[in-house]
Amino acid sequence: MHSEKTLSPMLGVGVFNIMFWIGFVVGYDIGLTCNAMLINALLFGGLGSYAVANIDRLSAREYRLRKKKDKDAPDTMVKPTKPILQT
């Protein structure tokens, strides 16, 4: 997701909405009051968005490490031991 600039925010908003309603339903099922259900739903939504942001951060970090490793690696092209075309 490192090269995509719109995927992470859209995914984060979608996960927030889904987790918000899951938190609301969980709060209703355990018998919370209205204010407590709202706090529970916001907590669930925030945790879902945080998970998406953390996945994006780790993906970008892995991409940077891979690019650095490729840049620091010596040339891996094998030189032939004898000429390919002999004249």
N, C-alpha and C. Protein backbone atom coordinates (compact mmCIF):
# COMPACT_ATOMS: atom_id res chain seq x y z
N MET A 1 0.80 -1.18 0.00
CA MET A 1 0.00 0.00 0.00
C MET A 1 0.85 1.26 0.00
N HIS A 2 2.15 1.15 -0.07
CA HIS A 2 3.01 2.31 0.05
C HIS A 2 2.87 3.27 -1.11
N SER A 3 2.60 2.78 -2.30
CA SER A 3 2.54 3.66 -3.46
C SER A 3 1.13 4.21 -3.69
N GLU A 4 0.15 3.65 -3.06
CA GLU A 4 -1.23 4.08 -3.24
C GLU A 4 -1.56 5.14 -2.20
N LYS A 5 -2.02 6.31 -2.66
CA LYS A 5 -2.29 7.42 -1.74
C LYS A 5 -3.74 7.48 -1.28
N THR A 6 -4.67 6.83 -1.97
CA THR A 6 -6.07 6.93 -1.59
C THR A 6 -6.62 5.65 -0.97
N LEU A 7 -5.91 4.55 -1.09
CA LEU A 7 -6.45 3.29 -0.59
C LEU A 7 -6.51 3.25 0.93
N SER A 8 -5.45 3.66 1.59
CA SER A 8 -5.42 3.58 3.05
C SER A 8 -6.48 4.45 3.72
N PRO A 9 -6.64 5.72 3.33
CA PRO A 9 -7.70 6.51 3.97
C PRO A 9 -9.10 5.94 3.72
N MET A 10 -9.36 5.48 2.51
CA MET A 10 -10.68 4.91 2.22
C MET A 10 -10.89 3.62 3.01
N LEU A 11 -9.86 2.80 3.09
CA LEU A 11 -9.96 1.57 3.86
C LEU A 11 -10.15 1.88 5.34
N GLY A 12 -9.43 2.90 5.83
CA GLY A 12 -9.57 3.29 7.23
C GLY A 12 -10.97 3.77 7.57
N VAL A 13 -11.56 4.56 6.69
CA VAL A 13 -12.93 5.04 6.92
C VAL A 13 -13.92 3.88 6.88
N GLY A 14 -13.73 2.98 5.94
CA GLY A 14 -14.62 1.82 5.87
C GLY A 14 -14.52 0.93 7.09
N VAL A 15 -13.31 0.69 7.54
CA VAL A 15 -13.12 -0.14 8.73
C VAL A 15 -13.69 0.57 9.96
N PHE A 16 -13.52 1.91 10.03
CA PHE A 16 -14.11 2.65 11.15
C PHE A 16 -15.62 2.47 11.18
N ASN A 17 -16.28 2.61 10.02
CA ASN A 17 -17.74 2.47 9.98
C ASN A 17 -18.18 1.07 10.40
N ILE A 18 -17.51 0.07 9.87
CA ILE A 18 -17.88 -1.31 10.21
C ILE A 18 -17.65 -1.59 11.69
N MET A 19 -16.49 -1.20 12.19
CA MET A 19 -16.18 -1.47 13.60
C MET A 19 -17.05 -0.62 14.53
N PHE A 20 -17.43 0.59 14.10
CA PHE A 20 -18.33 1.42 14.90
C PHE A 20 -19.65 0.69 15.13
N TRP A 21 -20.22 0.16 14.05
CA TRP A 21 -21.51 -0.52 14.20
C TRP A 21 -21.36 -1.83 14.95
N ILE A 22 -20.26 -2.51 14.78
CA ILE A 22 -20.03 -3.74 15.56
C ILE A 22 -19.95 -3.39 17.04
N GLY A 23 -19.24 -2.32 17.37
CA GLY A 23 -19.16 -1.88 18.77
C GLY A 23 -20.51 -1.47 19.32
N PHE A 24 -21.32 -0.83 18.48
CA PHE A 24 -22.66 -0.43 18.91
C PHE A 24 -23.52 -1.66 19.22
N VAL A 25 -23.45 -2.65 18.34
CA VAL A 25 -24.24 -3.88 18.55
C VAL A 25 -23.74 -4.65 19.77
N VAL A 26 -22.42 -4.71 19.93
CA VAL A 26 -21.87 -5.39 21.11
C VAL A 26 -22.33 -4.69 22.39
N GLY A 27 -22.29 -3.37 22.38
CA GLY A 27 -22.75 -2.62 23.54
C GLY A 27 -24.23 -2.85 23.83
N TYR A 28 -25.03 -2.93 22.78
CA TYR A 28 -26.45 -3.21 22.97
C TYR A 28 -26.67 -4.61 23.52
N ASP A 29 -25.92 -5.57 23.01
CA ASP A 29 -26.09 -6.96 23.46
C ASP A 29 -25.69 -7.15 24.92
N ILE A 30 -24.71 -6.41 25.38
CA ILE A 30 -24.32 -6.59 26.78
C ILE A 30 -25.10 -5.66 27.72
N GLY A 31 -26.00 -4.86 27.15
CA GLY A 31 -26.92 -4.07 27.97
C GLY A 31 -26.36 -2.77 28.48
N LEU A 32 -25.52 -2.11 27.70
CA LEU A 32 -24.98 -0.82 28.11
C LEU A 32 -26.02 0.28 27.93
N THR A 33 -25.81 1.38 28.64
CA THR A 33 -26.68 2.54 28.45
C THR A 33 -26.33 3.20 27.12
N CYS A 34 -27.09 4.20 26.73
CA CYS A 34 -26.91 4.83 25.42
C CYS A 34 -25.53 5.50 25.32
N ASN A 35 -25.13 6.24 26.34
CA ASN A 35 -23.83 6.90 26.31
C ASN A 35 -22.68 5.89 26.30
N ALA A 36 -22.81 4.85 27.07
CA ALA A 36 -21.78 3.81 27.11
C ALA A 36 -21.70 3.07 25.78
N MET A 37 -22.85 2.88 25.12
CA MET A 37 -22.84 2.24 23.80
C MET A 37 -22.09 3.10 22.80
N LEU A 38 -22.31 4.42 22.86
CA LEU A 38 -21.62 5.33 21.96
C LEU A 38 -20.11 5.31 22.20
N ILE A 39 -19.71 5.33 23.45
CA ILE A 39 -18.27 5.27 23.78
C ILE A 39 -17.68 3.95 23.33
N ASN A 40 -18.41 2.86 23.54
CA ASN A 40 -17.94 1.55 23.10
C ASN A 40 -17.80 1.50 21.58
N ALA A 41 -18.78 2.07 20.86
CA ALA A 41 -18.73 2.08 19.40
C ALA A 41 -17.55 2.92 18.91
N LEU A 42 -17.32 4.08 19.52
CA LEU A 42 -16.18 4.92 19.13
C LEU A 42 -14.86 4.22 19.42
N LEU A 43 -14.79 3.50 20.52
CA LEU A 43 -13.58 2.75 20.85
C LEU A 43 -13.31 1.67 19.80
N PHE A 44 -14.33 0.92 19.44
CA PHE A 44 -14.17 -0.11 18.42
C PHE A 44 -13.75 0.51 17.08
N GLY A 45 -14.41 1.59 16.69
CA GLY A 45 -14.08 2.25 15.43
C GLY A 45 -12.66 2.78 15.42
N GLY A 46 -12.25 3.39 16.52
CA GLY A 46 -10.88 3.90 16.63
C GLY A 46 -9.85 2.79 16.56
N LEU A 47 -10.13 1.68 17.20
CA LEU A 47 -9.19 0.55 17.14
C LEU A 47 -9.09 -0.02 15.73
N GLY A 48 -10.20 -0.06 15.01
CA GLY A 48 -10.17 -0.54 13.63
C GLY A 48 -9.35 0.38 12.74
N SER A 49 -9.55 1.69 12.89
CA SER A 49 -8.77 2.65 12.09
C SER A 49 -7.30 2.60 12.45
N TYR A 50 -7.01 2.44 13.72
CA TYR A 50 -5.62 2.33 14.16
C TYR A 50 -4.96 1.10 13.55
N ALA A 51 -5.69 0.01 13.46
CA ALA A 51 -5.12 -1.21 12.87
C ALA A 51 -4.77 -0.99 11.39
N VAL A 52 -5.64 -0.31 10.65
CA VAL A 52 -5.36 -0.03 9.24
C VAL A 52 -4.14 0.88 9.11
N ALA A 53 -4.06 1.93 9.95
CA ALA A 53 -2.92 2.84 9.90
C ALA A 53 -1.64 2.12 10.25
N ASN A 54 -1.69 1.20 11.21
CA ASN A 54 -0.50 0.45 11.61
C ASN A 54 -0.06 -0.49 10.50
N ILE A 55 -1.00 -1.13 9.83
CA ILE A 55 -0.66 -2.00 8.70
C ILE A 55 0.01 -1.20 7.60
N ASP A 56 -0.51 -0.01 7.31
CA ASP A 56 0.07 0.85 6.28
C ASP A 56 1.48 1.30 6.68
N ARG A 57 1.66 1.64 7.96
CA ARG A 57 2.98 2.06 8.43
C ARG A 57 4.00 0.92 8.32
N LEU A 58 3.60 -0.27 8.71
CA LEU A 58 4.51 -1.41 8.62
C LEU A 58 4.82 -1.78 7.17
N SER A 59 3.83 -1.62 6.29
CA SER A 59 4.05 -1.90 4.88
C SER A 59 5.05 -0.91 4.29
N ALA A 60 4.92 0.35 4.62
CA ALA A 60 5.86 1.36 4.13
C ALA A 60 7.26 1.12 4.68
N ARG A 61 7.34 0.70 5.93
CA ARG A 61 8.65 0.42 6.54
C ARG A 61 9.32 -0.76 5.84
N GLU A 62 8.54 -1.81 5.57
CA GLU A 62 9.09 -2.98 4.88
C GLU A 62 9.57 -2.60 3.48
N TYR A 63 8.80 -1.74 2.81
CA TYR A 63 9.18 -1.28 1.47
C TYR A 63 10.50 -0.51 1.52
N ARG A 64 10.65 0.39 2.50
CA ARG A 64 11.90 1.15 2.64
C ARG A 64 13.08 0.23 2.92
N LEU A 65 12.89 -0.75 3.80
CA LEU A 65 13.98 -1.69 4.12
C LEU A 65 14.37 -2.52 2.90
N ARG A 66 13.36 -2.94 2.12
CA ARG A 66 13.64 -3.73 0.93
C ARG A 66 14.40 -2.90 -0.10
N LYS A 67 14.00 -1.63 -0.27
CA LYS A 67 14.70 -0.76 -1.22
C LYS A 67 16.13 -0.50 -0.77
N LYS A 68 16.33 -0.31 0.53
CA LYS A 68 17.68 -0.07 1.04
C LYS A 68 18.55 -1.31 0.85
N LYS A 69 17.97 -2.48 1.10
CA LYS A 69 18.72 -3.72 0.92
C LYS A 69 19.11 -3.92 -0.53
N ASP A 70 18.19 -3.61 -1.45
CA ASP A 70 18.50 -3.74 -2.87
C ASP A 70 19.55 -2.73 -3.31
N LYS A 71 19.52 -1.54 -2.74
CA LYS A 71 20.47 -0.50 -3.10
C LYS A 71 21.87 -0.82 -2.57
N ASP A 72 21.93 -1.38 -1.36
CA ASP A 72 23.21 -1.70 -0.75
C ASP A 72 23.82 -2.99 -1.27
N ALA A 73 23.03 -3.83 -1.92
CA ALA A 73 23.54 -5.11 -2.41
C ALA A 73 24.51 -4.88 -3.58
N PRO A 74 25.57 -5.65 -3.63
CA PRO A 74 26.48 -5.50 -4.77
C PRO A 74 25.80 -6.01 -6.04
N ASP A 75 26.42 -5.69 -7.16
CA ASP A 75 25.86 -6.16 -8.43
C ASP A 75 25.81 -7.68 -8.43
N THR A 76 24.64 -8.19 -8.71
CA THR A 76 24.47 -9.64 -8.69
C THR A 76 24.55 -10.25 -10.09
N MET A 77 24.87 -9.42 -11.07
CA MET A 77 24.97 -9.93 -12.42
C MET A 77 26.24 -10.77 -12.54
N VAL A 78 26.11 -11.96 -13.05
CA VAL A 78 27.24 -12.87 -13.17
C VAL A 78 27.98 -12.56 -14.47
N LYS A 79 29.28 -12.41 -14.36
CA LYS A 79 30.09 -12.17 -15.56
C LYS A 79 30.47 -13.52 -16.16
N PRO A 80 30.39 -13.64 -17.47
CA PRO A 80 30.74 -14.92 -18.08
C PRO A 80 32.23 -15.21 -17.92
N THR A 81 32.56 -16.49 -17.78
CA THR A 81 33.96 -16.86 -17.62
C THR A 81 34.72 -16.89 -18.94
N LYS A 82 34.00 -17.11 -20.01
CA LYS A 82 34.65 -17.07 -21.33
C LYS A 82 33.80 -16.24 -22.26
N PRO A 83 34.34 -15.69 -23.28
CA PRO A 83 33.56 -14.86 -24.19
C PRO A 83 32.43 -15.64 -24.82
N ILE A 84 31.32 -14.98 -24.98
CA ILE A 84 30.16 -15.62 -25.58
C ILE A 84 30.37 -15.78 -27.08
N LEU A 85 30.81 -14.71 -27.71
CA LEU A 85 31.09 -14.76 -29.15
C LEU A 85 32.60 -14.70 -29.36
N GLN A 86 33.12 -15.72 -29.99
CA GLN A 86 34.54 -15.73 -30.27
C GLN A 86 34.74 -15.35 -31.76
N THR A 87 35.68 -14.48 -32.00
CA THR A 87 35.95 -14.08 -33.38
C THR A 87 37.17 -14.75 -33.93
